[in-house]
Amino acid sequence: MFDLCNDSYQKPYSKLVTQEIFNIIIIIHYVLKLELWLGSANTLLIGDMVEPQTRRMQERAAA
């Protein structure tokens, strides 16, 4: 009887822990994906803003 109770207690707990770990991994995955996306978007935006300025500076230096 004691083993039966222990078994029924243990199984949902381990399933819950597995689910929590899985959820944490998914959250970390999407946070990293978002950071990569924001990083690349940020770089592109900065690149677009900086590019015309550097071109003007190069033209001034050449002239």
PDB file of N, CA and C in Angstrom:
ATOM      1  N   MET A   1       0.839  -1.205   0.000  1.00  0.00           N
ATOM      2  CA  MET A   1       0.000   0.000   0.000  1.00  0.00           C
ATOM      3  C   MET A   1       0.876   1.260   0.000  1.00  0.00           C
ATOM      4  N   PHE A   2       1.914   1.223   0.823  1.00  0.00           N
ATOM      5  CA  PHE A   2       2.803   2.381   0.903  1.00  0.00           C
ATOM      6  C   PHE A   2       3.519   2.623  -0.425  1.00  0.00           C
ATOM      7  N   ASP A   3       3.968   1.544  -1.065  1.00  0.00           N
ATOM      8  CA  ASP A   3       4.638   1.658  -2.363  1.00  0.00           C
ATOM      9  C   ASP A   3       3.708   2.248  -3.415  1.00  0.00           C
ATOM     10  N   LEU A   4       2.455   1.829  -3.364  1.00  0.00           N
ATOM     11  CA  LEU A   4       1.454   2.315  -4.320  1.00  0.00           C
ATOM     12  C   LEU A   4       1.273   3.832  -4.162  1.00  0.00           C
ATOM     13  N   CYS A   5       1.169   4.268  -2.903  1.00  0.00           N
ATOM     14  CA  CYS A   5       1.001   5.712  -2.640  1.00  0.00           C
ATOM     15  C   CYS A   5       2.241   6.477  -3.101  1.00  0.00           C
ATOM     16  N   ASN A   6       3.391   5.932  -2.778  1.00  0.00           N
ATOM     17  CA  ASN A   6       4.645   6.577  -3.132  1.00  0.00           C
ATOM     18  C   ASN A   6       4.767   6.682  -4.651  1.00  0.00           C
ATOM     19  N   ASP A   7       4.406   5.612  -5.349  1.00  0.00           N
ATOM     20  CA  ASP A   7       4.483   5.586  -6.813  1.00  0.00           C
ATOM     21  C   ASP A   7       3.546   6.625  -7.426  1.00  0.00           C
ATOM     22  N   SER A   8       2.332   6.689  -6.925  1.00  0.00           N
ATOM     23  CA  SER A   8       1.352   7.631  -7.478  1.00  0.00           C
ATOM     24  C   SER A   8       1.751   9.080  -7.181  1.00  0.00           C
ATOM     25  N   TYR A   9       2.493   9.271  -6.097  1.00  0.00           N
ATOM     26  CA  TYR A   9       2.973  10.624  -5.780  1.00  0.00           C
ATOM     27  C   TYR A   9       4.163  10.988  -6.667  1.00  0.00           C
ATOM     28  N   GLN A  10       5.037  10.017  -6.872  1.00  0.00           N
ATOM     29  CA  GLN A  10       6.290  10.264  -7.583  1.00  0.00           C
ATOM     30  C   GLN A  10       6.065  10.566  -9.064  1.00  0.00           C
ATOM     31  N   LYS A  11       5.184   9.859  -9.707  1.00  0.00           N
ATOM     32  CA  LYS A  11       5.016   9.997 -11.156  1.00  0.00           C
ATOM     33  C   LYS A  11       4.562  11.406 -11.583  1.00  0.00           C
ATOM     34  N   PRO A  12       3.482  11.941 -11.011  1.00  0.00           N
ATOM     35  CA  PRO A  12       3.081  13.297 -11.454  1.00  0.00           C
ATOM     36  C   PRO A  12       4.156  14.329 -11.167  1.00  0.00           C
ATOM     37  N   TYR A  13       4.881  14.151 -10.051  1.00  0.00           N
ATOM     38  CA  TYR A  13       5.920  15.105  -9.688  1.00  0.00           C
ATOM     39  C   TYR A  13       7.028  15.116 -10.745  1.00  0.00           C
ATOM     40  N   SER A  14       7.494  13.932 -11.126  1.00  0.00           N
ATOM     41  CA  SER A  14       8.572  13.865 -12.116  1.00  0.00           C
ATOM     42  C   SER A  14       8.083  14.394 -13.465  1.00  0.00           C
ATOM     43  N   LYS A  15       6.815  14.136 -13.784  1.00  0.00           N
ATOM     44  CA  LYS A  15       6.246  14.648 -15.039  1.00  0.00           C
ATOM     45  C   LYS A  15       6.199  16.174 -15.006  1.00  0.00           C
ATOM     46  N   LEU A  16       5.834  16.720 -13.853  1.00  0.00           N
ATOM     47  CA  LEU A  16       5.761  18.172 -13.687  1.00  0.00           C
ATOM     48  C   LEU A  16       7.144  18.791 -13.842  1.00  0.00           C
ATOM     49  N   VAL A  17       8.140  18.195 -13.217  1.00  0.00           N
ATOM     50  CA  VAL A  17       9.511  18.709 -13.304  1.00  0.00           C
ATOM     51  C   VAL A  17       9.997  18.661 -14.748  1.00  0.00           C
ATOM     52  N   THR A  18       9.723  17.563 -15.432  1.00  0.00           N
ATOM     53  CA  THR A  18      10.122  17.428 -16.838  1.00  0.00           C
ATOM     54  C   THR A  18       9.462  18.524 -17.670  1.00  0.00           C
ATOM     55  N   GLN A  19       8.188  18.777 -17.416  1.00  0.00           N
ATOM     56  CA  GLN A  19       7.452  19.804 -18.156  1.00  0.00           C
ATOM     57  C   GLN A  19       8.047  21.190 -17.885  1.00  0.00           C
ATOM     58  N   GLU A  20       8.386  21.452 -16.616  1.00  0.00           N
ATOM     59  CA  GLU A  20       8.978  22.741 -16.259  1.00  0.00           C
ATOM     60  C   GLU A  20      10.310  22.950 -16.963  1.00  0.00           C
ATOM     61  N   ILE A  21      11.154  21.915 -16.952  1.00  0.00           N
ATOM     62  CA  ILE A  21      12.462  22.013 -17.609  1.00  0.00           C
ATOM     63  C   ILE A  21      12.272  22.273 -19.103  1.00  0.00           C
ATOM     64  N   PHE A  22      11.321  21.568 -19.692  1.00  0.00           N
ATOM     65  CA  PHE A  22      11.025  21.735 -21.118  1.00  0.00           C
ATOM     66  C   PHE A  22      10.578  23.164 -21.403  1.00  0.00           C
ATOM     67  N   ASN A  23       9.703  23.695 -20.551  1.00  0.00           N
ATOM     68  CA  ASN A  23       9.215  25.073 -20.719  1.00  0.00           C
ATOM     69  C   ASN A  23      10.364  26.071 -20.614  1.00  0.00           C
ATOM     70  N   ILE A  24      11.253  25.861 -19.663  1.00  0.00           N
ATOM     71  CA  ILE A  24      12.386  26.770 -19.471  1.00  0.00           C
ATOM     72  C   ILE A  24      13.282  26.755 -20.707  1.00  0.00           C
ATOM     73  N   ILE A  25      13.515  25.546 -21.245  1.00  0.00           N
ATOM     74  CA  ILE A  25      14.354  25.437 -22.449  1.00  0.00           C
ATOM     75  C   ILE A  25      13.711  26.180 -23.615  1.00  0.00           C
ATOM     76  N   ILE A  26      12.398  26.032 -23.772  1.00  0.00           N
ATOM     77  CA  ILE A  26      11.688  26.727 -24.853  1.00  0.00           C
ATOM     78  C   ILE A  26      11.799  28.241 -24.673  1.00  0.00           C
ATOM     79  N   ILE A  27      11.618  28.718 -23.443  1.00  0.00           N
ATOM     80  CA  ILE A  27      11.698  30.160 -23.174  1.00  0.00           C
ATOM     81  C   ILE A  27      13.098  30.680 -23.505  1.00  0.00           C
ATOM     82  N   ILE A  28      14.129  29.968 -23.062  1.00  0.00           N
ATOM     83  CA  ILE A  28      15.505  30.383 -23.339  1.00  0.00           C
ATOM     84  C   ILE A  28      15.748  30.409 -24.849  1.00  0.00           C
ATOM     85  N   HIS A  29      15.251  29.385 -25.538  1.00  0.00           N
ATOM     86  CA  HIS A  29      15.410  29.298 -26.990  1.00  0.00           C
ATOM     87  C   HIS A  29      14.824  30.535 -27.677  1.00  0.00           C
ATOM     88  N   TYR A  30      13.591  30.892 -27.284  1.00  0.00           N
ATOM     89  CA  TYR A  30      12.945  32.031 -27.943  1.00  0.00           C
ATOM     90  C   TYR A  30      13.564  33.356 -27.535  1.00  0.00           C
ATOM     91  N   VAL A  31      14.065  33.457 -26.301  1.00  0.00           N
ATOM     92  CA  VAL A  31      14.748  34.689 -25.881  1.00  0.00           C
ATOM     93  C   VAL A  31      16.018  34.880 -26.712  1.00  0.00           C
ATOM     94  N   LEU A  32      16.782  33.798 -26.897  1.00  0.00           N
ATOM     95  CA  LEU A  32      17.997  33.894 -27.703  1.00  0.00           C
ATOM     96  C   LEU A  32      17.668  34.224 -29.156  1.00  0.00           C
ATOM     97  N   LYS A  33      16.600  33.616 -29.664  1.00  0.00           N
ATOM     98  CA  LYS A  33      16.175  33.886 -31.043  1.00  0.00           C
ATOM     99  C   LYS A  33      15.803  35.363 -31.196  1.00  0.00           C
ATOM    100  N   LEU A  34      15.068  35.890 -30.212  1.00  0.00           N
ATOM    101  CA  LEU A  34      14.657  37.289 -30.230  1.00  0.00           C
ATOM    102  C   LEU A  34      15.874  38.204 -30.156  1.00  0.00           C
ATOM    103  N   GLU A  35      16.836  37.861 -29.297  1.00  0.00           N
ATOM    104  CA  GLU A  35      18.048  38.665 -29.181  1.00  0.00           C
ATOM    105  C   GLU A  35      18.811  38.685 -30.495  1.00  0.00           C
ATOM    106  N   LEU A  36      18.916  37.535 -31.143  1.00  0.00           N
ATOM    107  CA  LEU A  36      19.594  37.474 -32.441  1.00  0.00           C
ATOM    108  C   LEU A  36      18.874  38.338 -33.465  1.00  0.00           C
ATOM    109  N   TRP A  37      17.546  38.234 -33.478  1.00  0.00           N
ATOM    110  CA  TRP A  37      16.757  39.005 -34.445  1.00  0.00           C
ATOM    111  C   TRP A  37      16.900  40.489 -34.182  1.00  0.00           C
ATOM    112  N   LEU A  38      16.801  40.875 -32.897  1.00  0.00           N
ATOM    113  CA  LEU A  38      16.933  42.293 -32.554  1.00  0.00           C
ATOM    114  C   LEU A  38      18.344  42.778 -32.855  1.00  0.00           C
ATOM    115  N   GLY A  39      19.323  41.939 -32.576  1.00  0.00           N
ATOM    116  CA  GLY A  39      20.709  42.307 -32.848  1.00  0.00           C
ATOM    117  C   GLY A  39      20.941  42.553 -34.318  1.00  0.00           C
ATOM    118  N   SER A  40      20.432  41.662 -35.167  1.00  0.00           N
ATOM    119  CA  SER A  40      20.628  41.827 -36.610  1.00  0.00           C
ATOM    120  C   SER A  40      19.832  43.021 -37.129  1.00  0.00           C
ATOM    121  N   ALA A  41      18.613  43.210 -36.605  1.00  0.00           N
ATOM    122  CA  ALA A  41      17.798  44.350 -37.014  1.00  0.00           C
ATOM    123  C   ALA A  41      18.479  45.660 -36.605  1.00  0.00           C
ATOM    124  N   ASN A  42      19.024  45.668 -35.392  1.00  0.00           N
ATOM    125  CA  ASN A  42      19.718  46.838 -34.869  1.00  0.00           C
ATOM    126  C   ASN A  42      20.936  47.157 -35.728  1.00  0.00           C
ATOM    127  N   THR A  43      21.689  46.147 -36.072  1.00  0.00           N
ATOM    128  CA  THR A  43      22.876  46.336 -36.904  1.00  0.00           C
ATOM    129  C   THR A  43      22.486  46.906 -38.264  1.00  0.00           C
ATOM    130  N   LEU A  44      21.418  46.352 -38.826  1.00  0.00           N
ATOM    131  CA  LEU A  44      20.969  46.837 -40.134  1.00  0.00           C
ATOM    132  C   LEU A  44      20.546  48.300 -40.049  1.00  0.00           C
ATOM    133  N   LEU A  45      19.805  48.639 -38.976  1.00  0.00           N
ATOM    134  CA  LEU A  45      19.354  50.030 -38.827  1.00  0.00           C
ATOM    135  C   LEU A  45      20.540  50.958 -38.658  1.00  0.00           C
ATOM    136  N   ILE A  46      21.483  50.584 -37.804  1.00  0.00           N
ATOM    137  CA  ILE A  46      22.658  51.429 -37.577  1.00  0.00           C
ATOM    138  C   ILE A  46      23.471  51.526 -38.869  1.00  0.00           C
ATOM    139  N   GLY A  47      23.585  50.384 -39.566  1.00  0.00           N
ATOM    140  CA  GLY A  47      24.319  50.376 -40.840  1.00  0.00           C
ATOM    141  C   GLY A  47      23.706  51.339 -41.832  1.00  0.00           C
ATOM    142  N   ASP A  48      22.394  51.371 -41.920  1.00  0.00           N
ATOM    143  CA  ASP A  48      21.707  52.278 -42.848  1.00  0.00           C
ATOM    144  C   ASP A  48      21.928  53.731 -42.452  1.00  0.00           C
ATOM    145  N   MET A  49      21.996  53.996 -41.141  1.00  0.00           N
ATOM    146  CA  MET A  49      22.183  55.377 -40.699  1.00  0.00           C
ATOM    147  C   MET A  49      23.621  55.824 -40.864  1.00  0.00           C
ATOM    148  N   VAL A  50      24.565  54.923 -40.622  1.00  0.00           N
ATOM    149  CA  VAL A  50      25.983  55.292 -40.649  1.00  0.00           C
ATOM    150  C   VAL A  50      26.519  55.358 -42.075  1.00  0.00           C
ATOM    151  N   GLU A  51      26.034  54.496 -42.934  1.00  0.00           N
ATOM    152  CA  GLU A  51      26.566  54.378 -44.295  1.00  0.00           C
ATOM    153  C   GLU A  51      26.613  55.703 -45.066  1.00  0.00           C
ATOM    154  N   PRO A  52      25.511  56.479 -45.146  1.00  0.00           N
ATOM    155  CA  PRO A  52      25.588  57.738 -45.900  1.00  0.00           C
ATOM    156  C   PRO A  52      26.616  58.705 -45.321  1.00  0.00           C
ATOM    157  N   GLN A  53      26.740  58.742 -43.987  1.00  0.00           N
ATOM    158  CA  GLN A  53      27.710  59.639 -43.349  1.00  0.00           C
ATOM    159  C   GLN A  53      29.132  59.273 -43.734  1.00  0.00           C
ATOM    160  N   THR A  54      29.451  57.981 -43.670  1.00  0.00           N
ATOM    161  CA  THR A  54      30.817  57.567 -44.001  1.00  0.00           C
ATOM    162  C   THR A  54      31.106  57.830 -45.476  1.00  0.00           C
ATOM    163  N   ARG A  55      30.105  57.673 -46.318  1.00  0.00           N
ATOM    164  CA  ARG A  55      30.296  57.940 -47.745  1.00  0.00           C
ATOM    165  C   ARG A  55      30.616  59.425 -47.949  1.00  0.00           C
ATOM    166  N   ARG A  56      29.884  60.296 -47.241  1.00  0.00           N
ATOM    167  CA  ARG A  56      30.151  61.739 -47.349  1.00  0.00           C
ATOM    168  C   ARG A  56      31.552  62.079 -46.865  1.00  0.00           C
ATOM    169  N   MET A  57      31.945  61.435 -45.759  1.00  0.00           N
ATOM    170  CA  MET A  57      33.282  61.702 -45.212  1.00  0.00           C
ATOM    171  C   MET A  57      34.366  61.275 -46.199  1.00  0.00           C
ATOM    172  N   GLN A  58      34.156  60.117 -46.842  1.00  0.00           N
ATOM    173  CA  GLN A  58      35.132  59.638 -47.824  1.00  0.00           C
ATOM    174  C   GLN A  58      35.201  60.587 -49.028  1.00  0.00           C
ATOM    175  N   GLU A  59      34.039  61.104 -49.435  1.00  0.00           N
ATOM    176  CA  GLU A  59      34.021  62.038 -50.564  1.00  0.00           C
ATOM    177  C   GLU A  59      34.760  63.326 -50.206  1.00  0.00           C
ATOM    178  N   ARG A  60      34.566  63.801 -48.959  1.00  0.00           N
ATOM    179  CA  ARG A  60      35.264  65.018 -48.513  1.00  0.00           C
ATOM    180  C   ARG A  60      36.766  64.786 -48.460  1.00  0.00           C
ATOM    181  N   ALA A  61      37.150  63.599 -47.956  1.00  0.00           N
ATOM    182  CA  ALA A  61      38.585  63.290 -47.850  1.00  0.00           C
ATOM    183  C   ALA A  61      39.221  63.201 -49.237  1.00  0.00           C
ATOM    184  N   ALA A  62      38.480  62.675 -50.195  1.00  0.00           N
ATOM    185  CA  ALA A  62      39.006  62.521 -51.557  1.00  0.00           C
ATOM    186  C   ALA A  62      39.097  63.873 -52.257  1.00  0.00           C
ATOM    187  N   ALA A  63      38.203  64.797 -51.949  1.00  0.00           N
ATOM    188  CA  ALA A  63      38.159  66.091 -52.642  1.00  0.00           C
ATOM    189  C   ALA A  63      39.243  67.053 -52.180  1.00  0.00           C
TER     190      ALA A  63
END
